[in-house]
Amino acid sequence: MTTALHETNGSPQPNSLQISEPLRLALVAEGSSAELTASMDGLTRTLAAAPGSDVVIRVQTPGARPASHRGTLLLDAATKTVVARETAAGAMTPPAVAFLLPGLGDHYLGMARDLYNALPIFREQVDRCAALLTPELGVDIRTVMHAKARASAAAPGAELDLRRMLGRRGEGPSEEERRLNQARHAQPALFVVEYALAEQWRAWGVLPDVMLGYSLGEYVAACLAGVLSLEDSLALVARRAELIESLPAGAMLAVMLSEEELTPQLGAHLSVSAVNGPDFCVVAGPVEEVQRLEARLLDRRVTLRRVQSSHAFHSRMMEPIAERVTRIVAGFTRRPPRTPYVSNVTGALITAAEATDPAYWAIHLCRPVRFADGLRALGSEVLLEVGPGQTLSSLATLARKGAGAPSSGGSSTPARTIVASMRHAYESESDVSVLLKAVGRLWLSGAAIEGEQPATSAEPAAPADAEAGRGSMAPVVEEISPPAEPEAPLTDTEREVAALWQTLLRCEPPTRDANFFRLGGNSLLATRLIDRVSRSLRVKLPLRRVYQTSTLADMAAAIDGLRGAGARPGAATQGRAAPVTTSAPTAAARPAAAAPDAPRAPLFRLPNGLSVAHQNEAETRHFYDDIFAHRSYVKHGIRIRDGACVLDVGGNIGLFTLFAHTEAKDVRVFTFEPAPPLFEILSRNVALHGVRATLFNLGLSDRERDAPFTFYPRSAGMSSFYPDEAEERHNLKAIMDNQRRGGAAEVAQMDGYTEELLDVRFEAVTFTAKLRRLSDVLREQRIERVDLMKIDVQKCELEVIEGIDDADWPKFSQIVLEAHDADGRVAKLSSLFERHGFKVIAEQDELYVGTNIRNIYALREGV
């Protein structure tokens, strides 16, 4: 018998399991139990000693005899500890696999960041999607998904207030969470993660025989099935989300009642938006109506939970945009599905006519998700959840029990295997560890896993004869796994917790290694468990701890620790590997614009009461005076009216964008800022004040290109694609002189230090920034009118204007810009505006006397 050890060295192989954490996975197949045990024992030693940090192994017995015994071995190479070791026996016919694709609700900041850092294929697909989405969103979705929450938001392992975990927030979400939770960000972000993860599974040879998407997940299923191209799918998701964001806010409530029990209590304004099981539905509607229903049901002690959602999806509140969604879909090429998938609307396999009918997608928007019916339509042996969280896996596990299938924590080969690919938001285990365990579980179910063949390989001797063929291999370390011992009886606490699990999950007596969520637990059942632990065991078990200690042994040990009882020494871990605490990969994050974990910009309270993040307090006060106090951009008849479309070119930290937002109702702003540090602050300020804005981390010019951008952190307003420090120092000195003459005490105090101050103010950082033509952006964003365009781009204003096609000039009503009057630029711009039918006024603000800076106001006649 020969075994093969494949080591990954050098550059990453496209289909190999490249991981930055010290985890190594072995997938073993043998013809008998004895051979399997021997192989796995030998591999435990080999894995620990193998050179290189990234190893994937697949061992099979050659010859005619079928390999009817399989095993998986997951090892932490850093600690030489076996993280997981599992086996399965029986006929290993490849099973039918169904992809389960989640909807909103389980998304969270940083979702899949580990996978992005660790897996080249996953990262490539995320990058591809982000590039396609940026023109639609005006922001790199990676910076939204992978932003770091403020310090007060708990990191994995920290305790959180129970009210917040249950969706009854006290403190409220962080700015970064609010930004992600906006429909225009949450839906594309979730699509990107699920699509990239599906492509990763497909690269490993795991192809779906059928798919079931939940809400937005059906869009991912349609894309994977070829109904829509990736480009069209992303555009559809982004534009649909934009329409949803224009609707009034709504709320959603998960309720442990049947559809028949719930429907009579809803009234005229609430809708059943999902039927997830025989006694598990979701309700959606106006916030106040949902709150009233929540209060009534709580009085009846009905278990319920608010769903993380900004709007009332799959309800009649979506009807105002249904026709527009139909028109959007009609503009894309649609094809019959190549892979079958289940319709949320009918709960049955979708037909080609339904999938390609634009009206279907509007119906899908407004009708309930028939997930329970969809599960029954699958008929697959293996259900693989492809996306964040484990909600669909839990629902499928409960549905399996309802159909009469037994469930036992001790069984390694259930009749139907249900596997989650990613962790829940509140679990501390790394995404890579969760995913590798999922690969192992699919292997045990009989699935064919491909892509383990890396660039080089070595062939040590078989485990039964390791000494004979060790050759140049690293020395074999001592046996890591402790010898098998009889399973110790459950502790008192374990028995009590097991009884609670049996009641809640309707499962057979769980073993010590049984997992609450694999047995069908979900967030609602976890809240029930917390309540029963509190009443039965007199311990307040935080919800986060339920996710962190989800096995019976770990949960019992946590309860013992909380009540100070202390478990019997060794009882919790006897007969199994010692628990391992995993952490995020050490590989650096790969942000596209600016490091999301950079120091947070401080908040500054403006005289009008608005608080803003800023780069420089003195400069922020200057911007405020210019924009809000002096109203420099709304003079000479220029106005911002209700419902206006405004372009803010050179957005800086976003004060003009905020001004437009506060000046009139329902203003829509498109803001352009090329400097990554300013763009991050701009994004924060827009999210902080709920501005309806689309943000672009790029500049505008007369042609598309990349160009160096000189950024002055202490004088951000002087940053430019055309730096001229002598001119900029002259202008800033003139501005300071004008401020001093105007009585600015703080400027007067700087007398004698001006040159030193300017030296500091003009310390520079250079970025490579993307430049695009304005007309290209107008077409991509489908902007048909521009009520006001403000431009402040430090000597690039003429290039911005030259990026407008003649056909687009009628769309513009008002333009105001700051121009640097070099080479007669003010006269040239004024003449150009007049040729296009604008009345033009050029003037110099008293603050800029002595500089070449002028303001130009262009107002189309009749506006």
Foldseek 3Di string as FASTA:
>chain_A
DFWWWFAFDDDDDQQAQFALFQKEKEKEFEQDPVQQVLQVLLVLLQSLQFDDRYTYGYTYDDDDRGRFKIKMWMARNVVSFTADIDMFGDDQDAFAEEEEQEDPQQADAQFCLLVLLGHPQLVVLLVVLQVLCCLLFQDRLCLLRHFDFPPVDDDAPDFDDQCVVQVNDDVDGGLSRLLCQQLLRVLLVQLSQLLSLQVSQVSQVDDHLEYEYFQSGVLSVQCVQPQFDSSLSSNLSNVLSLVQNVFAWKWKKKWQAAPVVPVVVQPDFKDFAAGLDRRITMIMGHHVSVVVVVVVVVVVVTQMGIGSHGHGWQACSLVVCLVVQLVSLVVGHGFFGNHWYAQQQPLETDGSCLSNRSSNVSNSRHHHGHNLSVLVRPPTQEYEYRGGACQSLLSNLLSCVVVPFADELPDLAGSHHYAYQAHGPLAQDDSSVRNSVRVRSSSNNSHRTDSSNHDDIDIAGRSVPRVVGVPPGGDRDDRRDDDADPQDDDFPLLVVLQVLLCVLLVHDRYDQFGFSRNSNDDPSSLVVSQVCCCVPVVFRDRSSQCRHQGGSLSSSQVRCVRVVNHTDPPNSQPRHIDHDRDHRRPRDRDDDFDPSPPDFADWDQAPVGDIAGALEVVVVNVVCCCCPVVVVPQPPPQAQEALAEEEEAQQQLNPNLVVSPVRYHNYEYEYEAQHRVRQVRNSSSCSVVVRNYRHHNAHEFQAKDKAKKKAQSLQRLQTASDDDLVQVLQQVVLLLVLVVVVPPVVSVVCVPPSVVVSVNRRPIDMDIGIYHQPCVSCVSNVPQAHAEYEHRHNARVVRNVNSDDPVRLVRYFKYKYKHQCDPNVVVVVCVVLVVSQWDKDKADDSSRPSHRIIMMITGHPPD
